[in-house]
Amino acid sequence: MEMSVEMEMPVEIGGHAPAFVMVAETAADVAAREALLDRAMGPKRRKKSSEKLRRGRRPSEGLAFVACDASGGVAGTVRLWDVSLGEGGAAALLLGPLAVDPSLKNAGIGSALMRHAIAEAARLGHNAILLVGDAPYYARFGFSAEKTGSLAMPGPYERHRLLALELVEGALDGVHGTLKAAGRKLKAQELISAA
């Protein structure tokens, strides 16, 4: 059973009245989210190593968000996924994709989504978040490659782009091996509609 969390977080852009609200993603957002991801990331997004960990799975409970504009349109999205870390099987989250409508770049939506996702992951008791991304962008949120040297993604990726943020100090100490998908699987009808 999918749990729907009703939460709205106004995002103030440039000192103006809130132009966007962050809400828990619902089934009604799926088509708009997928169209946004296609516009922002292109058709090759489905071939990334991170996608291998998401395929056939649901996002971590309570950790899929969209930023909606005043008309209710999806302007941004972020989701976090349950993964296990290599040999010891320690639990963590994999963030992604984070995307904002290309026409709204540099409006602060991506940063607001990141801060919200990190805060919710911490509130829900998760230990660490990993992602594959640009270190200069994600460093402002506390992500670095400092503790990912002994971890690997399944499939090709650029090692320096595997970044992590510990939500609990020491959560990534001693972990090593390849990330594996964990968490809730999609039901048969969801798999058909996701194809």
C-alpha atoms as a PDB file:
ATOM      1  CA  MET A   1       0.000   0.000   0.000  1.00  0.00           C
ATOM      2  CA  GLU A   2       1.494   3.334  -1.074  1.00  0.00           C
ATOM      3  CA  MET A   3       1.470   5.822   1.780  1.00  0.00           C
ATOM      4  CA  SER A   4       0.673   9.376   0.727  1.00  0.00           C
ATOM      5  CA  VAL A   5       2.134  12.093   2.882  1.00  0.00           C
ATOM      6  CA  GLU A   6       0.396  15.437   2.548  1.00  0.00           C
ATOM      7  CA  MET A   7       3.041  18.062   2.891  1.00  0.00           C
ATOM      8  CA  GLU A   8       3.518  21.359   1.207  1.00  0.00           C
ATOM      9  CA  MET A   9       6.661  23.355   1.582  1.00  0.00           C
ATOM     10  CA  PRO A  10       6.614  26.803  -0.046  1.00  0.00           C
ATOM     11  CA  VAL A  11       9.792  27.665  -1.914  1.00  0.00           C
ATOM     12  CA  GLU A  12      10.609  31.347  -1.901  1.00  0.00           C
ATOM     13  CA  ILE A  13      12.407  32.381  -5.077  1.00  0.00           C
ATOM     14  CA  GLY A  14      14.333  35.662  -5.252  1.00  0.00           C
ATOM     15  CA  GLY A  15      12.563  37.243  -2.278  1.00  0.00           C
ATOM     16  CA  HIS A  16       9.152  37.022  -3.961  1.00  0.00           C
ATOM     17  CA  ALA A  17       6.091  35.258  -2.634  1.00  0.00           C
ATOM     18  CA  PRO A  18       6.422  31.459  -2.800  1.00  0.00           C
ATOM     19  CA  ALA A  19       6.109  30.424  -6.429  1.00  0.00           C
ATOM     20  CA  PHE A  20       6.445  26.672  -5.921  1.00  0.00           C
ATOM     21  CA  VAL A  21       5.424  24.106  -3.345  1.00  0.00           C
ATOM     22  CA  MET A  22       7.139  20.813  -2.648  1.00  0.00           C
ATOM     23  CA  VAL A  23       4.755  17.935  -2.166  1.00  0.00           C
ATOM     24  CA  ALA A  24       4.954  14.188  -1.897  1.00  0.00           C
ATOM     25  CA  GLU A  25       4.828  12.671  -5.354  1.00  0.00           C
ATOM     26  CA  THR A  26       1.557  10.925  -6.226  1.00  0.00           C
ATOM     27  CA  ALA A  27       0.492   8.589  -9.034  1.00  0.00           C
ATOM     28  CA  ALA A  28      -1.041  11.635 -10.762  1.00  0.00           C
ATOM     29  CA  ASP A  29       2.476  13.141 -11.086  1.00  0.00           C
ATOM     30  CA  VAL A  30       4.066  10.185 -12.907  1.00  0.00           C
ATOM     31  CA  ALA A  31       3.453  11.247 -16.536  1.00  0.00           C
ATOM     32  CA  ALA A  32       4.516  14.849 -15.868  1.00  0.00           C
ATOM     33  CA  ARG A  33       7.596  13.666 -13.949  1.00  0.00           C
ATOM     34  CA  GLU A  34       8.664  11.352 -16.772  1.00  0.00           C
ATOM     35  CA  ALA A  35       8.156  14.100 -19.387  1.00  0.00           C
ATOM     36  CA  LEU A  36      10.198  16.498 -17.236  1.00  0.00           C
ATOM     37  CA  LEU A  37      13.014  13.941 -16.897  1.00  0.00           C
ATOM     38  CA  ASP A  38      13.047  13.415 -20.668  1.00  0.00           C
ATOM     39  CA  ARG A  39      13.299  17.184 -21.266  1.00  0.00           C
ATOM     40  CA  ALA A  40      15.944  17.743 -18.606  1.00  0.00           C
ATOM     41  CA  MET A  41      18.113  14.643 -19.086  1.00  0.00           C
ATOM     42  CA  GLY A  42      17.403  13.310 -22.562  1.00  0.00           C
ATOM     43  CA  PRO A  43      16.713   9.786 -23.773  1.00  0.00           C
ATOM     44  CA  LYS A  44      20.018   8.327 -22.521  1.00  0.00           C
ATOM     45  CA  ARG A  45      18.933   8.768 -18.911  1.00  0.00           C
ATOM     46  CA  ARG A  46      17.500   5.248 -18.850  1.00  0.00           C
ATOM     47  CA  LYS A  47      20.900   3.697 -19.621  1.00  0.00           C
ATOM     48  CA  LYS A  48      22.749   5.093 -16.589  1.00  0.00           C
ATOM     49  CA  SER A  49      24.161   2.793 -13.902  1.00  0.00           C
ATOM     50  CA  SER A  50      21.934   4.458 -11.309  1.00  0.00           C
ATOM     51  CA  GLU A  51      18.908   3.389 -13.321  1.00  0.00           C
ATOM     52  CA  LYS A  52      19.922  -0.268 -12.881  1.00  0.00           C
ATOM     53  CA  LEU A  53      19.434   0.175  -9.137  1.00  0.00           C
ATOM     54  CA  ARG A  54      16.024   1.831  -9.600  1.00  0.00           C
ATOM     55  CA  ARG A  55      14.544  -0.425 -12.282  1.00  0.00           C
ATOM     56  CA  GLY A  56      11.665  -2.530 -10.969  1.00  0.00           C
ATOM     57  CA  ARG A  57      11.676  -0.783  -7.589  1.00  0.00           C
ATOM     58  CA  ARG A  58       9.653   1.874  -5.805  1.00  0.00           C
ATOM     59  CA  PRO A  59      11.320   4.889  -4.214  1.00  0.00           C
ATOM     60  CA  SER A  60      12.026   4.645  -0.514  1.00  0.00           C
ATOM     61  CA  GLU A  61       8.855   5.119   1.545  1.00  0.00           C
ATOM     62  CA  GLY A  62       8.056   8.823   1.922  1.00  0.00           C
ATOM     63  CA  LEU A  63      11.041  10.002  -0.159  1.00  0.00           C
ATOM     64  CA  ALA A  64       9.697  10.997  -3.593  1.00  0.00           C
ATOM     65  CA  PHE A  65       8.941  14.697  -4.079  1.00  0.00           C
ATOM     66  CA  VAL A  66       7.862  17.092  -6.792  1.00  0.00           C
ATOM     67  CA  ALA A  67       8.001  20.875  -6.902  1.00  0.00           C
ATOM     68  CA  CYS A  68       4.759  22.221  -8.347  1.00  0.00           C
ATOM     69  CA  ASP A  69       4.110  25.682  -9.757  1.00  0.00           C
ATOM     70  CA  ALA A  70       1.012  27.773  -8.995  1.00  0.00           C
ATOM     71  CA  SER A  71      -1.020  25.900 -11.621  1.00  0.00           C
ATOM     72  CA  GLY A  72      -0.047  22.509 -10.172  1.00  0.00           C
ATOM     73  CA  GLY A  73       2.429  21.686 -12.954  1.00  0.00           C
ATOM     74  CA  VAL A  74       5.518  19.642 -12.092  1.00  0.00           C
ATOM     75  CA  ALA A  75       8.552  21.945 -12.193  1.00  0.00           C
ATOM     76  CA  GLY A  76      11.059  19.666 -10.438  1.00  0.00           C
ATOM     77  CA  THR A  77      11.491  16.184  -9.044  1.00  0.00           C
ATOM     78  CA  VAL A  78      13.719  14.201  -6.708  1.00  0.00           C
ATOM     79  CA  ARG A  79      13.466  10.640  -5.461  1.00  0.00           C
ATOM     80  CA  LEU A  80      15.529   8.509  -3.079  1.00  0.00           C
ATOM     81  CA  TRP A  81      15.900   4.733  -3.351  1.00  0.00           C
ATOM     82  CA  ASP A  82      16.843   2.011  -0.891  1.00  0.00           C
ATOM     83  CA  VAL A  83      20.185   0.327  -1.613  1.00  0.00           C
ATOM     84  CA  SER A  84      22.496  -2.023   0.244  1.00  0.00           C
ATOM     85  CA  LEU A  85      26.183  -1.277   0.331  1.00  0.00           C
ATOM     86  CA  GLY A  86      28.414  -4.071  -0.878  1.00  0.00           C
ATOM     87  CA  GLU A  87      29.656  -6.950   1.206  1.00  0.00           C
ATOM     88  CA  GLY A  88      28.283  -5.978   4.613  1.00  0.00           C
ATOM     89  CA  GLY A  89      24.883  -5.028   3.212  1.00  0.00           C
ATOM     90  CA  ALA A  90      24.636  -1.791   5.178  1.00  0.00           C
ATOM     91  CA  ALA A  91      21.516   0.165   4.234  1.00  0.00           C
ATOM     92  CA  ALA A  92      21.654   3.560   2.536  1.00  0.00           C
ATOM     93  CA  LEU A  93      19.730   5.684   0.059  1.00  0.00           C
ATOM     94  CA  LEU A  94      20.566   6.485  -3.559  1.00  0.00           C
ATOM     95  CA  LEU A  95      19.380   9.938  -4.615  1.00  0.00           C
ATOM     96  CA  GLY A  96      18.207  10.557  -8.133  1.00  0.00           C
ATOM     97  CA  PRO A  97      17.303  11.677 -10.450  1.00  0.00           C
ATOM     98  CA  LEU A  98      17.130  15.308  -9.391  1.00  0.00           C
ATOM     99  CA  ALA A  99      15.738  17.377 -12.245  1.00  0.00           C
ATOM    100  CA  VAL A 100      14.221  20.792 -12.818  1.00  0.00           C
ATOM    101  CA  ASP A 101      12.341  21.964 -15.895  1.00  0.00           C
ATOM    102  CA  PRO A 102      15.054  23.429 -18.170  1.00  0.00           C
ATOM    103  CA  SER A 103      13.090  26.689 -18.498  1.00  0.00           C
ATOM    104  CA  LEU A 104      13.360  27.170 -14.705  1.00  0.00           C
ATOM    105  CA  LYS A 105      17.091  26.491 -14.197  1.00  0.00           C
ATOM    106  CA  ASN A 106      18.811  28.680 -11.601  1.00  0.00           C
ATOM    107  CA  ALA A 107      15.520  29.502  -9.852  1.00  0.00           C
ATOM    108  CA  GLY A 108      16.548  27.610  -6.679  1.00  0.00           C
ATOM    109  CA  ILE A 109      14.135  24.728  -7.196  1.00  0.00           C
ATOM    110  CA  GLY A 110      16.841  22.042  -7.370  1.00  0.00           C
ATOM    111  CA  SER A 111      18.513  23.314  -4.197  1.00  0.00           C
ATOM    112  CA  ALA A 112      15.191  23.440  -2.368  1.00  0.00           C
ATOM    113  CA  LEU A 113      14.353  19.887  -3.459  1.00  0.00           C
ATOM    114  CA  MET A 114      17.783  18.669  -2.297  1.00  0.00           C
ATOM    115  CA  ARG A 115      17.510  20.300   1.113  1.00  0.00           C
ATOM    116  CA  HIS A 116      14.000  18.949   1.571  1.00  0.00           C
ATOM    117  CA  ALA A 117      14.983  15.406   0.518  1.00  0.00           C
ATOM    118  CA  ILE A 118      18.009  15.365   2.848  1.00  0.00           C
ATOM    119  CA  ALA A 119      15.974  16.685   5.786  1.00  0.00           C
ATOM    120  CA  GLU A 120      13.227  14.106   5.242  1.00  0.00           C
ATOM    121  CA  ALA A 121      15.733  11.240   4.904  1.00  0.00           C
ATOM    122  CA  ALA A 122      17.317  12.288   8.200  1.00  0.00           C
ATOM    123  CA  ARG A 123      13.905  12.689   9.868  1.00  0.00           C
ATOM    124  CA  LEU A 124      12.943   9.177   8.752  1.00  0.00           C
ATOM    125  CA  GLY A 125      16.106   7.740  10.339  1.00  0.00           C
ATOM    126  CA  HIS A 126      18.235   6.892   7.318  1.00  0.00           C
ATOM    127  CA  ASN A 127      22.022   6.692   7.787  1.00  0.00           C
ATOM    128  CA  ALA A 128      23.535   7.878   4.493  1.00  0.00           C
ATOM    129  CA  ILE A 129      22.708   9.118   1.002  1.00  0.00           C
ATOM    130  CA  LEU A 130      24.745   8.347  -2.114  1.00  0.00           C
ATOM    131  CA  LEU A 131      24.461   9.774  -5.606  1.00  0.00           C
ATOM    132  CA  VAL A 132      26.308  10.011  -8.894  1.00  0.00           C
ATOM    133  CA  GLY A 133      26.765  13.667  -9.791  1.00  0.00           C
ATOM    134  CA  ASP A 134      28.928  16.743 -10.094  1.00  0.00           C
ATOM    135  CA  ALA A 135      30.927  17.312  -6.902  1.00  0.00           C
ATOM    136  CA  PRO A 136      30.992  21.133  -7.230  1.00  0.00           C
ATOM    137  CA  TYR A 137      27.164  21.249  -7.243  1.00  0.00           C
ATOM    138  CA  TYR A 138      26.523  18.661  -4.524  1.00  0.00           C
ATOM    139  CA  ALA A 139      29.337  19.767  -2.167  1.00  0.00           C
ATOM    140  CA  ARG A 140      27.128  22.635  -0.939  1.00  0.00           C
ATOM    141  CA  PHE A 141      24.798  19.998   0.531  1.00  0.00           C
ATOM    142  CA  GLY A 142      27.655  18.122   2.236  1.00  0.00           C
ATOM    143  CA  PHE A 143      28.295  15.420  -0.400  1.00  0.00           C
ATOM    144  CA  SER A 144      31.838  14.306  -1.217  1.00  0.00           C
ATOM    145  CA  ALA A 145      33.777  11.325  -2.587  1.00  0.00           C
ATOM    146  CA  GLU A 146      35.685  11.039   0.708  1.00  0.00           C
ATOM    147  CA  LYS A 147      33.928   7.835   1.843  1.00  0.00           C
ATOM    148  CA  THR A 148      33.016   6.236  -1.502  1.00  0.00           C
ATOM    149  CA  GLY A 149      36.471   4.965  -2.558  1.00  0.00           C
ATOM    150  CA  SER A 150      35.681   1.374  -1.559  1.00  0.00           C
ATOM    151  CA  LEU A 151      32.193   1.401  -3.100  1.00  0.00           C
ATOM    152  CA  ALA A 152      31.190   0.835  -6.735  1.00  0.00           C
ATOM    153  CA  MET A 153      28.138   1.211  -8.933  1.00  0.00           C
ATOM    154  CA  PRO A 154      26.859  -1.716 -11.035  1.00  0.00           C
ATOM    155  CA  GLY A 155      27.932  -0.916 -14.588  1.00  0.00           C
ATOM    156  CA  PRO A 156      29.925   1.968 -16.020  1.00  0.00           C
ATOM    157  CA  TYR A 157      30.237   5.240 -14.088  1.00  0.00           C
ATOM    158  CA  GLU A 158      32.874   7.841 -13.355  1.00  0.00           C
ATOM    159  CA  ARG A 159      34.354   6.961  -9.953  1.00  0.00           C
ATOM    160  CA  HIS A 160      34.966  10.599  -8.924  1.00  0.00           C
ATOM    161  CA  ARG A 161      31.226  11.286  -9.365  1.00  0.00           C
ATOM    162  CA  LEU A 162      30.120   8.714  -6.755  1.00  0.00           C
ATOM    163  CA  LEU A 163      29.416  10.963  -3.773  1.00  0.00           C
ATOM    164  CA  ALA A 164      28.022  10.410  -0.300  1.00  0.00           C
ATOM    165  CA  LEU A 165      26.577  12.274   2.650  1.00  0.00           C
ATOM    166  CA  GLU A 166      26.497  10.626   6.071  1.00  0.00           C
ATOM    167  CA  LEU A 167      23.345  11.478   7.996  1.00  0.00           C
ATOM    168  CA  VAL A 168      24.742   9.515  10.930  1.00  0.00           C
ATOM    169  CA  GLU A 169      28.447  10.021  11.602  1.00  0.00           C
ATOM    170  CA  GLY A 170      30.464   6.904  10.765  1.00  0.00           C
ATOM    171  CA  ALA A 171      27.628   5.244   8.807  1.00  0.00           C
ATOM    172  CA  LEU A 172      29.946   4.596   5.846  1.00  0.00           C
ATOM    173  CA  ASP A 173      33.029   3.577   7.838  1.00  0.00           C
ATOM    174  CA  GLY A 174      34.362   0.263   6.550  1.00  0.00           C
ATOM    175  CA  VAL A 175      31.742  -0.279   3.837  1.00  0.00           C
ATOM    176  CA  HIS A 176      32.989  -1.720   0.549  1.00  0.00           C
ATOM    177  CA  GLY A 177      31.689  -3.470  -2.559  1.00  0.00           C
ATOM    178  CA  THR A 178      29.054  -2.817  -5.197  1.00  0.00           C
ATOM    179  CA  LEU A 179      25.758  -1.089  -4.458  1.00  0.00           C
ATOM    180  CA  LYS A 180      22.720  -3.372  -4.783  1.00  0.00           C
ATOM    181  CA  ALA A 181      19.036  -2.571  -5.191  1.00  0.00           C
ATOM    182  CA  ALA A 182      16.948  -3.008  -2.057  1.00  0.00           C
ATOM    183  CA  GLY A 183      13.527  -1.922  -0.905  1.00  0.00           C
ATOM    184  CA  ARG A 184      10.064  -2.322  -2.338  1.00  0.00           C
ATOM    185  CA  LYS A 185       9.534  -3.910  -5.742  1.00  0.00           C
ATOM    186  CA  LEU A 186       6.998  -2.607  -8.227  1.00  0.00           C
ATOM    187  CA  LYS A 187       3.825  -4.624  -8.638  1.00  0.00           C
ATOM    188  CA  ALA A 188       3.124  -6.301 -12.007  1.00  0.00           C
ATOM    189  CA  GLN A 189       0.704  -3.598 -13.215  1.00  0.00           C
ATOM    190  CA  GLU A 190       3.204  -0.872 -12.242  1.00  0.00           C
ATOM    191  CA  LEU A 191       5.945  -2.636 -14.227  1.00  0.00           C
ATOM    192  CA  ILE A 192       3.742  -2.659 -17.331  1.00  0.00           C
ATOM    193  CA  SER A 193       2.922   1.055 -17.067  1.00  0.00           C
ATOM    194  CA  ALA A 194       6.589   1.921 -16.358  1.00  0.00           C
ATOM    195  CA  ALA A 195       7.786   0.258 -19.582  1.00  0.00           C
END
